Amino acid sequence: MDWNGRGVVITGASRGLGERLARWFAKRGAQVALVARGREELERVTASIVAEGGRAHAIAADVGDKEAIYGIAGAAAELVGPIDVVVHAASSLGPLPMPLLLDTACEDLLAVLETNLLGPFRLTKALAGPMVLRGRGVVVFVSSDAAVNGYPRWGAYGVSKAAQDHLGRIWAAELEGTGVQFLSIDPGDMNTKMHRDAIPDADPATLLDPAVVAARIGTILAHRHRIPSGTRLEARTAAADDEHANENKDANAKKNENERSSV
């Protein structure tokens, strides 16, 4: 797919997968609005992308802050034009080390939900309407295996991601036929600050490079028109399937060409 000139909004874009996705889209000509709470780190990443020839703009804001949502949406539209892609990559684990549910304060659970669930809900509400009017757009929720597996101490985060997945399915059902697509993508375990915060003793060699995962998500989005809206995917499996399908397509094309040549 040609991303040149497309408007893209990515939350959690100052580090990890969000940063790598911003770089991936910018390298392909998209106009990218990077959203994150930490202004200094966000502006450093944005300046780096611009220095490499990309079109990127920093929006320092907290998606977990209800009052910030329309400011984010308005600034993004002004900076990059009509929004074609939204990636909800911003996430919070909650208190560290992560507590058991019995030890989780209600206020801490609410804070995680504000960032991981209510923030994406509010921002989607603000951005999906114009997408519907234009008849195109894709909203991506960055999921986790904690959304489908009950890991001890991952309660607040897991609940928020499970709800986020279902939020995407409901959006898909309600906006079916409008041209706006919703996908949840589990990136897998990555070598990021968030993962280190959650599991400090994890071996980095066993974790995925966020840049590799960003490319896999790009492959998924390039072929998204054959994926039903509301689908939940695993980046590793889905990207591998697409690559295998392309290899088969190329092999069949070469076979047909050889058959025509031999006639």
C-alpha atoms as a PDB file:
ATOM      1  CA  MET A   1       0.000   0.000   0.000  1.00  0.00           C
ATOM      2  CA  ASP A   2       1.141   3.539  -0.737  1.00  0.00           C
ATOM      3  CA  TRP A   3       1.460   5.416   2.575  1.00  0.00           C
ATOM      4  CA  ASN A   4       2.789   8.595   0.985  1.00  0.00           C
ATOM      5  CA  GLY A   5       0.938  11.611   2.363  1.00  0.00           C
ATOM      6  CA  ARG A   6      -1.355   9.544   4.582  1.00  0.00           C
ATOM      7  CA  GLY A   7      -2.159  10.970   8.002  1.00  0.00           C
ATOM      8  CA  VAL A   8      -1.131   8.672  10.866  1.00  0.00           C
ATOM      9  CA  VAL A   9      -1.610   9.108  14.623  1.00  0.00           C
ATOM     10  CA  ILE A  10       0.418   6.931  16.998  1.00  0.00           C
ATOM     11  CA  THR A  11       0.114   7.113  20.767  1.00  0.00           C
ATOM     12  CA  GLY A  12       2.899   5.974  23.046  1.00  0.00           C
ATOM     13  CA  ALA A  13       5.249   7.113  20.283  1.00  0.00           C
ATOM     14  CA  SER A  14       8.232   8.308  22.313  1.00  0.00           C
ATOM     15  CA  ARG A  15       9.707   4.817  22.830  1.00  0.00           C
ATOM     16  CA  GLY A  16       9.299   1.105  22.162  1.00  0.00           C
ATOM     17  CA  LEU A  17       6.885  -0.125  19.531  1.00  0.00           C
ATOM     18  CA  GLY A  18       5.160   3.249  19.182  1.00  0.00           C
ATOM     19  CA  GLU A  19       8.440   4.940  18.265  1.00  0.00           C
ATOM     20  CA  ARG A  20       9.365   2.194  15.802  1.00  0.00           C
ATOM     21  CA  LEU A  21       5.967   2.357  14.139  1.00  0.00           C
ATOM     22  CA  ALA A  22       6.312   6.124  13.791  1.00  0.00           C
ATOM     23  CA  ARG A  23       9.672   5.665  12.102  1.00  0.00           C
ATOM     24  CA  TRP A  24       8.296   2.899   9.861  1.00  0.00           C
ATOM     25  CA  PHE A  25       5.416   5.021   8.597  1.00  0.00           C
ATOM     26  CA  ALA A  26       7.554   8.148   8.197  1.00  0.00           C
ATOM     27  CA  LYS A  27      10.088   6.282   6.064  1.00  0.00           C
ATOM     28  CA  ARG A  28       7.239   5.426   3.708  1.00  0.00           C
ATOM     29  CA  GLY A  29       6.114   9.002   3.264  1.00  0.00           C
ATOM     30  CA  ALA A  30       3.284   9.167   5.772  1.00  0.00           C
ATOM     31  CA  GLN A  31       2.698  12.298   7.809  1.00  0.00           C
ATOM     32  CA  VAL A  32       2.915  11.110  11.391  1.00  0.00           C
ATOM     33  CA  ALA A  33       1.581  12.683  14.575  1.00  0.00           C
ATOM     34  CA  LEU A  34       3.470  11.248  17.547  1.00  0.00           C
ATOM     35  CA  VAL A  35       1.617  11.387  20.864  1.00  0.00           C
ATOM     36  CA  ALA A  36       3.198  10.761  24.259  1.00  0.00           C
ATOM     37  CA  ARG A  37       3.341  12.230  27.754  1.00  0.00           C
ATOM     38  CA  GLY A  38       7.074  12.950  28.027  1.00  0.00           C
ATOM     39  CA  ARG A  39       7.709  16.089  25.984  1.00  0.00           C
ATOM     40  CA  GLU A  40      11.526  15.938  25.973  1.00  0.00           C
ATOM     41  CA  GLU A  41      11.768  12.327  24.837  1.00  0.00           C
ATOM     42  CA  LEU A  42       8.945  12.785  22.332  1.00  0.00           C
ATOM     43  CA  GLU A  43      10.539  15.834  20.748  1.00  0.00           C
ATOM     44  CA  ARG A  44      13.881  14.046  20.532  1.00  0.00           C
ATOM     45  CA  VAL A  45      12.322  11.154  18.594  1.00  0.00           C
ATOM     46  CA  THR A  46      10.335  13.508  16.365  1.00  0.00           C
ATOM     47  CA  ALA A  47      13.414  15.601  15.559  1.00  0.00           C
ATOM     48  CA  SER A  48      15.321  12.418  14.706  1.00  0.00           C
ATOM     49  CA  ILE A  49      12.615  11.340  12.252  1.00  0.00           C
ATOM     50  CA  VAL A  50      12.551  14.786  10.625  1.00  0.00           C
ATOM     51  CA  ALA A  51      16.354  14.776  10.347  1.00  0.00           C
ATOM     52  CA  GLU A  52      16.074  11.520   8.406  1.00  0.00           C
ATOM     53  CA  GLY A  53      13.677  13.131   5.935  1.00  0.00           C
ATOM     54  CA  GLY A  54      10.386  12.059   7.498  1.00  0.00           C
ATOM     55  CA  ARG A  55       7.346  14.208   8.143  1.00  0.00           C
ATOM     56  CA  ALA A  56       6.641  13.976  11.857  1.00  0.00           C
ATOM     57  CA  HIS A  57       5.017  16.167  14.491  1.00  0.00           C
ATOM     58  CA  ALA A  58       5.068  15.903  18.280  1.00  0.00           C
ATOM     59  CA  ILE A  59       1.928  16.198  20.395  1.00  0.00           C
ATOM     60  CA  ALA A  60       2.869  16.081  24.062  1.00  0.00           C
ATOM     61  CA  ALA A  61      -0.274  14.881  25.824  1.00  0.00           C
ATOM     62  CA  ASP A  62      -1.597  12.125  28.073  1.00  0.00           C
ATOM     63  CA  VAL A  63      -4.208   9.910  26.400  1.00  0.00           C
ATOM     64  CA  GLY A  64      -5.357   8.929  29.871  1.00  0.00           C
ATOM     65  CA  ASP A  65      -6.449  12.521  30.509  1.00  0.00           C
ATOM     66  CA  LYS A  66     -10.050  12.999  29.394  1.00  0.00           C
ATOM     67  CA  GLU A  67      -9.538  16.737  28.944  1.00  0.00           C
ATOM     68  CA  ALA A  68      -6.638  16.190  26.528  1.00  0.00           C
ATOM     69  CA  ILE A  69      -8.458  14.068  23.943  1.00  0.00           C
ATOM     70  CA  TYR A  70     -10.036  16.709  21.733  1.00  0.00           C
ATOM     71  CA  GLY A  71      -6.826  18.699  21.861  1.00  0.00           C
ATOM     72  CA  ILE A  72      -4.935  15.657  20.559  1.00  0.00           C
ATOM     73  CA  ALA A  73      -7.482  15.042  17.806  1.00  0.00           C
ATOM     74  CA  GLY A  74      -7.568  18.685  16.735  1.00  0.00           C
ATOM     75  CA  ALA A  75      -3.801  19.095  16.747  1.00  0.00           C
ATOM     76  CA  ALA A  76      -3.306  15.879  14.776  1.00  0.00           C
ATOM     77  CA  ALA A  77      -5.781  16.909  12.070  1.00  0.00           C
ATOM     78  CA  GLU A  78      -4.162  20.330  11.803  1.00  0.00           C
ATOM     79  CA  LEU A  79      -0.628  18.940  11.624  1.00  0.00           C
ATOM     80  CA  VAL A  80      -1.044  15.931   9.320  1.00  0.00           C
ATOM     81  CA  GLY A  81      -4.407  16.447   7.636  1.00  0.00           C
ATOM     82  CA  PRO A  82      -7.147  13.804   7.375  1.00  0.00           C
ATOM     83  CA  ILE A  83      -6.334  10.816   9.576  1.00  0.00           C
ATOM     84  CA  ASP A  84      -6.156   7.453   7.813  1.00  0.00           C
ATOM     85  CA  VAL A  85      -4.456   5.366  10.525  1.00  0.00           C
ATOM     86  CA  VAL A  86      -4.663   5.440  14.318  1.00  0.00           C
ATOM     87  CA  VAL A  87      -2.437   3.152  16.388  1.00  0.00           C
ATOM     88  CA  HIS A  88      -3.196   2.937  20.101  1.00  0.00           C
ATOM     89  CA  ALA A  89       0.227   1.907  21.423  1.00  0.00           C
ATOM     90  CA  ALA A  90       0.247   3.843  24.697  1.00  0.00           C
ATOM     91  CA  SER A  91      -0.055   1.506  27.689  1.00  0.00           C
ATOM     92  CA  SER A  92       0.368   1.451  31.438  1.00  0.00           C
ATOM     93  CA  LEU A  93       1.227  -1.508  33.655  1.00  0.00           C
ATOM     94  CA  GLY A  94       0.124   0.216  36.836  1.00  0.00           C
ATOM     95  CA  PRO A  95       2.125   0.044  40.093  1.00  0.00           C
ATOM     96  CA  LEU A  96       5.489  -1.725  40.012  1.00  0.00           C
ATOM     97  CA  PRO A  97       6.226  -4.418  40.907  1.00  0.00           C
ATOM     98  CA  MET A  98       2.816  -5.496  39.687  1.00  0.00           C
ATOM     99  CA  PRO A  99       0.613  -6.619  42.588  1.00  0.00           C
ATOM    100  CA  LEU A 100      -1.841  -9.448  42.939  1.00  0.00           C
ATOM    101  CA  LEU A 101      -5.448  -8.471  42.288  1.00  0.00           C
ATOM    102  CA  LEU A 102      -6.194  -8.832  45.998  1.00  0.00           C
ATOM    103  CA  ASP A 103      -3.565  -6.165  46.640  1.00  0.00           C
ATOM    104  CA  THR A 104      -4.546  -3.871  43.748  1.00  0.00           C
ATOM    105  CA  ALA A 105      -6.097  -0.600  44.838  1.00  0.00           C
ATOM    106  CA  CYS A 106      -9.252   0.429  42.994  1.00  0.00           C
ATOM    107  CA  GLU A 107      -7.590   3.735  42.161  1.00  0.00           C
ATOM    108  CA  ASP A 108      -4.638   1.924  40.547  1.00  0.00           C
ATOM    109  CA  LEU A 109      -6.941  -0.241  38.433  1.00  0.00           C
ATOM    110  CA  LEU A 110      -8.822   2.874  37.336  1.00  0.00           C
ATOM    111  CA  ALA A 111      -5.584   4.610  36.347  1.00  0.00           C
ATOM    112  CA  VAL A 112      -4.600   1.660  34.133  1.00  0.00           C
ATOM    113  CA  LEU A 113      -8.042   1.626  32.525  1.00  0.00           C
ATOM    114  CA  GLU A 114      -7.844   5.369  31.875  1.00  0.00           C
ATOM    115  CA  THR A 115      -4.720   4.898  29.760  1.00  0.00           C
ATOM    116  CA  ASN A 116      -5.292   1.481  28.204  1.00  0.00           C
ATOM    117  CA  LEU A 117      -9.051   1.488  27.650  1.00  0.00           C
ATOM    118  CA  LEU A 118     -10.791   4.805  28.177  1.00  0.00           C
ATOM    119  CA  GLY A 119      -8.075   6.766  26.394  1.00  0.00           C
ATOM    120  CA  PRO A 120      -8.309   4.677  23.204  1.00  0.00           C
ATOM    121  CA  PHE A 121     -12.112   4.761  23.450  1.00  0.00           C
ATOM    122  CA  ARG A 122     -12.230   8.549  23.704  1.00  0.00           C
ATOM    123  CA  LEU A 123      -9.622   9.161  21.002  1.00  0.00           C
ATOM    124  CA  THR A 124     -11.338   6.720  18.649  1.00  0.00           C
ATOM    125  CA  LYS A 125     -14.633   8.542  19.207  1.00  0.00           C
ATOM    126  CA  ALA A 126     -12.930  11.797  18.271  1.00  0.00           C
ATOM    127  CA  LEU A 127     -11.187  10.466  15.145  1.00  0.00           C
ATOM    128  CA  ALA A 128     -13.462   7.751  13.735  1.00  0.00           C
ATOM    129  CA  GLY A 129     -16.325  10.092  12.797  1.00  0.00           C
ATOM    130  CA  PRO A 130     -14.319  11.931  10.105  1.00  0.00           C
ATOM    131  CA  MET A 131     -13.053   8.552   8.884  1.00  0.00           C
ATOM    132  CA  VAL A 132     -16.640   7.379   8.421  1.00  0.00           C
ATOM    133  CA  LEU A 133     -17.476  10.520   6.462  1.00  0.00           C
ATOM    134  CA  ARG A 134     -14.513   9.907   4.129  1.00  0.00           C
ATOM    135  CA  GLY A 135     -15.287   6.188   3.907  1.00  0.00           C
ATOM    136  CA  ARG A 136     -11.829   4.962   4.862  1.00  0.00           C
ATOM    137  CA  GLY A 137      -9.479   4.456   7.783  1.00  0.00           C
ATOM    138  CA  VAL A 138      -7.999   1.855  10.101  1.00  0.00           C
ATOM    139  CA  VAL A 139      -7.773   1.839  13.893  1.00  0.00           C
ATOM    140  CA  VAL A 140      -5.230  -0.490  15.490  1.00  0.00           C
ATOM    141  CA  PHE A 141      -5.284  -1.516  19.142  1.00  0.00           C
ATOM    142  CA  VAL A 142      -1.958  -2.901  20.355  1.00  0.00           C
ATOM    143  CA  SER A 143      -2.969  -5.967  22.345  1.00  0.00           C
ATOM    144  CA  SER A 144      -1.108  -8.524  24.468  1.00  0.00           C
ATOM    145  CA  ASP A 145      -1.183 -12.215  25.260  1.00  0.00           C
ATOM    146  CA  ALA A 146      -2.213 -11.037  28.748  1.00  0.00           C
ATOM    147  CA  ALA A 147      -5.572 -10.206  27.158  1.00  0.00           C
ATOM    148  CA  VAL A 148      -6.309 -13.898  26.610  1.00  0.00           C
ATOM    149  CA  ASN A 149      -4.238 -15.583  29.352  1.00  0.00           C
ATOM    150  CA  GLY A 150      -4.677 -15.154  33.089  1.00  0.00           C
ATOM    151  CA  TYR A 151      -1.160 -14.399  34.297  1.00  0.00           C
ATOM    152  CA  PRO A 152      -0.676 -13.776  38.026  1.00  0.00           C
ATOM    153  CA  ARG A 153       0.075 -10.127  38.820  1.00  0.00           C
ATOM    154  CA  TRP A 154      -0.932  -8.964  35.354  1.00  0.00           C
ATOM    155  CA  GLY A 155      -4.523  -8.365  36.458  1.00  0.00           C
ATOM    156  CA  ALA A 156      -5.028  -4.643  35.803  1.00  0.00           C
ATOM    157  CA  TYR A 157      -3.092  -4.707  32.546  1.00  0.00           C
ATOM    158  CA  GLY A 158      -4.661  -7.967  31.333  1.00  0.00           C
ATOM    159  CA  VAL A 159      -8.193  -6.798  32.097  1.00  0.00           C
ATOM    160  CA  SER A 160      -7.586  -3.530  30.248  1.00  0.00           C
ATOM    161  CA  LYS A 161      -6.209  -5.279  27.159  1.00  0.00           C
ATOM    162  CA  ALA A 162      -9.008  -7.850  27.084  1.00  0.00           C
ATOM    163  CA  ALA A 163     -11.543  -5.035  27.238  1.00  0.00           C
ATOM    164  CA  GLN A 164      -9.648  -3.129  24.553  1.00  0.00           C
ATOM    165  CA  ASP A 165      -9.801  -6.138  22.220  1.00  0.00           C
ATOM    166  CA  HIS A 166     -13.547  -6.378  22.702  1.00  0.00           C
ATOM    167  CA  LEU A 167     -13.900  -2.643  22.237  1.00  0.00           C
ATOM    168  CA  GLY A 168     -12.402  -3.090  18.781  1.00  0.00           C
ATOM    169  CA  ARG A 169     -14.809  -5.900  17.956  1.00  0.00           C
ATOM    170  CA  ILE A 170     -17.802  -3.791  18.944  1.00  0.00           C
ATOM    171  CA  TRP A 171     -16.562  -0.779  16.961  1.00  0.00           C
ATOM    172  CA  ALA A 172     -16.166  -3.116  13.975  1.00  0.00           C
ATOM    173  CA  ALA A 173     -19.724  -4.438  14.301  1.00  0.00           C
ATOM    174  CA  GLU A 174     -21.237  -0.985  14.728  1.00  0.00           C
ATOM    175  CA  LEU A 175     -19.324   0.590  11.826  1.00  0.00           C
ATOM    176  CA  GLU A 176     -19.505  -2.358   9.434  1.00  0.00           C
ATOM    177  CA  GLY A 177     -19.743  -1.206   5.835  1.00  0.00           C
ATOM    178  CA  THR A 178     -18.434   2.309   6.492  1.00  0.00           C
ATOM    179  CA  GLY A 179     -14.916   1.653   5.209  1.00  0.00           C
ATOM    180  CA  VAL A 180     -13.404   2.058   8.685  1.00  0.00           C
ATOM    181  CA  GLN A 181     -11.585  -1.028   9.920  1.00  0.00           C
ATOM    182  CA  PHE A 182     -10.632  -2.074  13.441  1.00  0.00           C
ATOM    183  CA  LEU A 183      -7.840  -4.520  14.274  1.00  0.00           C
ATOM    184  CA  SER A 184      -6.251  -5.737  17.499  1.00  0.00           C
ATOM    185  CA  ILE A 185      -2.660  -6.886  17.096  1.00  0.00           C
ATOM    186  CA  ASP A 186      -0.630  -8.757  19.714  1.00  0.00           C
ATOM    187  CA  PRO A 187       3.004  -7.782  19.046  1.00  0.00           C
ATOM    188  CA  GLY A 188       4.551 -10.504  21.208  1.00  0.00           C
ATOM    189  CA  ASP A 189       7.160 -10.073  23.946  1.00  0.00           C
ATOM    190  CA  MET A 190       9.467  -7.232  22.962  1.00  0.00           C
ATOM    191  CA  ASN A 191      12.708  -5.806  24.278  1.00  0.00           C
ATOM    192  CA  THR A 192      11.192  -2.585  25.630  1.00  0.00           C
ATOM    193  CA  LYS A 193      11.275  -0.550  28.813  1.00  0.00           C
ATOM    194  CA  MET A 194       7.756  -1.725  29.630  1.00  0.00           C
ATOM    195  CA  HIS A 195       8.807  -5.360  29.423  1.00  0.00           C
ATOM    196  CA  ARG A 196      11.886  -4.674  31.561  1.00  0.00           C
ATOM    197  CA  ASP A 197       9.697  -2.928  34.122  1.00  0.00           C
ATOM    198  CA  ALA A 198       7.339  -5.910  34.216  1.00  0.00           C
ATOM    199  CA  ILE A 199       9.950  -8.704  34.124  1.00  0.00           C
ATOM    200  CA  PRO A 200      13.361  -7.251  35.073  1.00  0.00           C
ATOM    201  CA  ASP A 201      15.177 -10.597  34.907  1.00  0.00           C
ATOM    202  CA  ALA A 202      13.990 -11.534  31.392  1.00  0.00           C
ATOM    203  CA  ASP A 203      16.747 -12.401  28.928  1.00  0.00           C
ATOM    204  CA  PRO A 204      16.774  -9.674  26.216  1.00  0.00           C
ATOM    205  CA  ALA A 205      18.025 -12.251  23.709  1.00  0.00           C
ATOM    206  CA  THR A 206      14.668 -14.027  23.939  1.00  0.00           C
ATOM    207  CA  LEU A 207      12.676 -10.874  23.192  1.00  0.00           C
ATOM    208  CA  LEU A 208      11.628  -9.378  19.881  1.00  0.00           C
ATOM    209  CA  ASP A 209      13.145  -6.203  18.474  1.00  0.00           C
ATOM    210  CA  PRO A 210      10.373  -3.536  18.311  1.00  0.00           C
ATOM    211  CA  ALA A 211      11.637  -2.485  14.877  1.00  0.00           C
ATOM    212  CA  VAL A 212      11.034  -6.007  13.575  1.00  0.00           C
ATOM    213  CA  VAL A 213       7.552  -6.050  15.089  1.00  0.00           C
ATOM    214  CA  ALA A 214       6.772  -2.651  13.563  1.00  0.00           C
ATOM    215  CA  ALA A 215       7.661  -4.037  10.129  1.00  0.00           C
ATOM    216  CA  ARG A 216       5.410  -7.048  10.744  1.00  0.00           C
ATOM    217  CA  ILE A 217       2.528  -4.767  11.671  1.00  0.00           C
ATOM    218  CA  GLY A 218       3.229  -2.777   8.517  1.00  0.00           C
ATOM    219  CA  THR A 219       2.934  -5.993   6.506  1.00  0.00           C
ATOM    220  CA  ILE A 220      -0.406  -6.737   8.154  1.00  0.00           C
ATOM    221  CA  LEU A 221      -1.720  -3.253   7.379  1.00  0.00           C
ATOM    222  CA  ALA A 222      -0.528  -3.492   3.791  1.00  0.00           C
ATOM    223  CA  HIS A 223      -2.834  -6.507   3.362  1.00  0.00           C
ATOM    224  CA  ARG A 224      -5.569  -5.393   5.730  1.00  0.00           C
ATOM    225  CA  HIS A 225      -8.310  -5.333   3.085  1.00  0.00           C
ATOM    226  CA  ARG A 226      -8.446  -9.119   3.159  1.00  0.00           C
ATOM    227  CA  ILE A 227      -8.728  -9.193   6.971  1.00  0.00           C
ATOM    228  CA  PRO A 228     -12.232  -8.870   8.488  1.00  0.00           C
ATOM    229  CA  SER A 229     -12.705  -5.821  10.661  1.00  0.00           C
ATOM    230  CA  GLY A 230     -12.702  -6.713  14.341  1.00  0.00           C
ATOM    231  CA  THR A 231     -10.068  -9.433  13.945  1.00  0.00           C
ATOM    232  CA  ARG A 232      -7.476 -10.041  16.638  1.00  0.00           C
ATOM    233  CA  LEU A 233      -4.092 -11.087  15.246  1.00  0.00           C
ATOM    234  CA  GLU A 234      -0.663 -12.084  16.457  1.00  0.00           C
ATOM    235  CA  ALA A 235       1.971 -10.087  14.610  1.00  0.00           C
ATOM    236  CA  ARG A 236       4.412 -12.970  14.226  1.00  0.00           C
ATOM    237  CA  THR A 237       1.869 -15.427  12.804  1.00  0.00           C
ATOM    238  CA  ALA A 238      -0.046 -12.991  10.627  1.00  0.00           C
ATOM    239  CA  ALA A 239       3.059 -11.488   9.031  1.00  0.00           C
ATOM    240  CA  ALA A 240       4.483 -14.960   8.362  1.00  0.00           C
ATOM    241  CA  ASP A 241       1.229 -15.993   6.677  1.00  0.00           C
ATOM    242  CA  ASP A 242       1.343 -12.910   4.437  1.00  0.00           C
ATOM    243  CA  GLU A 243       4.967 -13.529   3.505  1.00  0.00           C
ATOM    244  CA  HIS A 244       4.189 -17.178   2.727  1.00  0.00           C
ATOM    245  CA  ALA A 245       1.211 -16.138   0.581  1.00  0.00           C
ATOM    246  CA  ASN A 246       3.388 -13.690  -1.338  1.00  0.00           C
ATOM    247  CA  GLU A 247       6.047 -16.353  -1.887  1.00  0.00           C
ATOM    248  CA  ASN A 248       3.404 -18.717  -3.278  1.00  0.00           C
ATOM    249  CA  LYS A 249       2.019 -15.960  -5.477  1.00  0.00           C
ATOM    250  CA  ASP A 250       5.481 -15.185  -6.870  1.00  0.00           C
ATOM    251  CA  ALA A 251       6.192 -18.898  -7.390  1.00  0.00           C
ATOM    252  CA  ASN A 252       2.895 -19.412  -9.236  1.00  0.00           C
ATOM    253  CA  ALA A 253       3.527 -16.374 -11.404  1.00  0.00           C
ATOM    254  CA  LYS A 254       6.980 -17.693 -12.323  1.00  0.00           C
ATOM    255  CA  LYS A 255       5.550 -21.142 -13.027  1.00  0.00           C
ATOM    256  CA  ASN A 256       2.892 -19.683 -15.330  1.00  0.00           C
ATOM    257  CA  GLU A 257       5.504 -17.616 -17.121  1.00  0.00           C
ATOM    258  CA  ASN A 258       7.676 -20.696 -17.671  1.00  0.00           C
ATOM    259  CA  GLU A 259       4.688 -22.658 -18.970  1.00  0.00           C
ATOM    260  CA  ARG A 260       3.843 -19.897 -21.460  1.00  0.00           C
ATOM    261  CA  SER A 261       7.457 -19.780 -22.599  1.00  0.00           C
ATOM    262  CA  SER A 262       7.524 -23.509 -23.253  1.00  0.00           C
ATOM    263  CA  VAL A 263       4.404 -23.498 -25.425  1.00  0.00           C
END
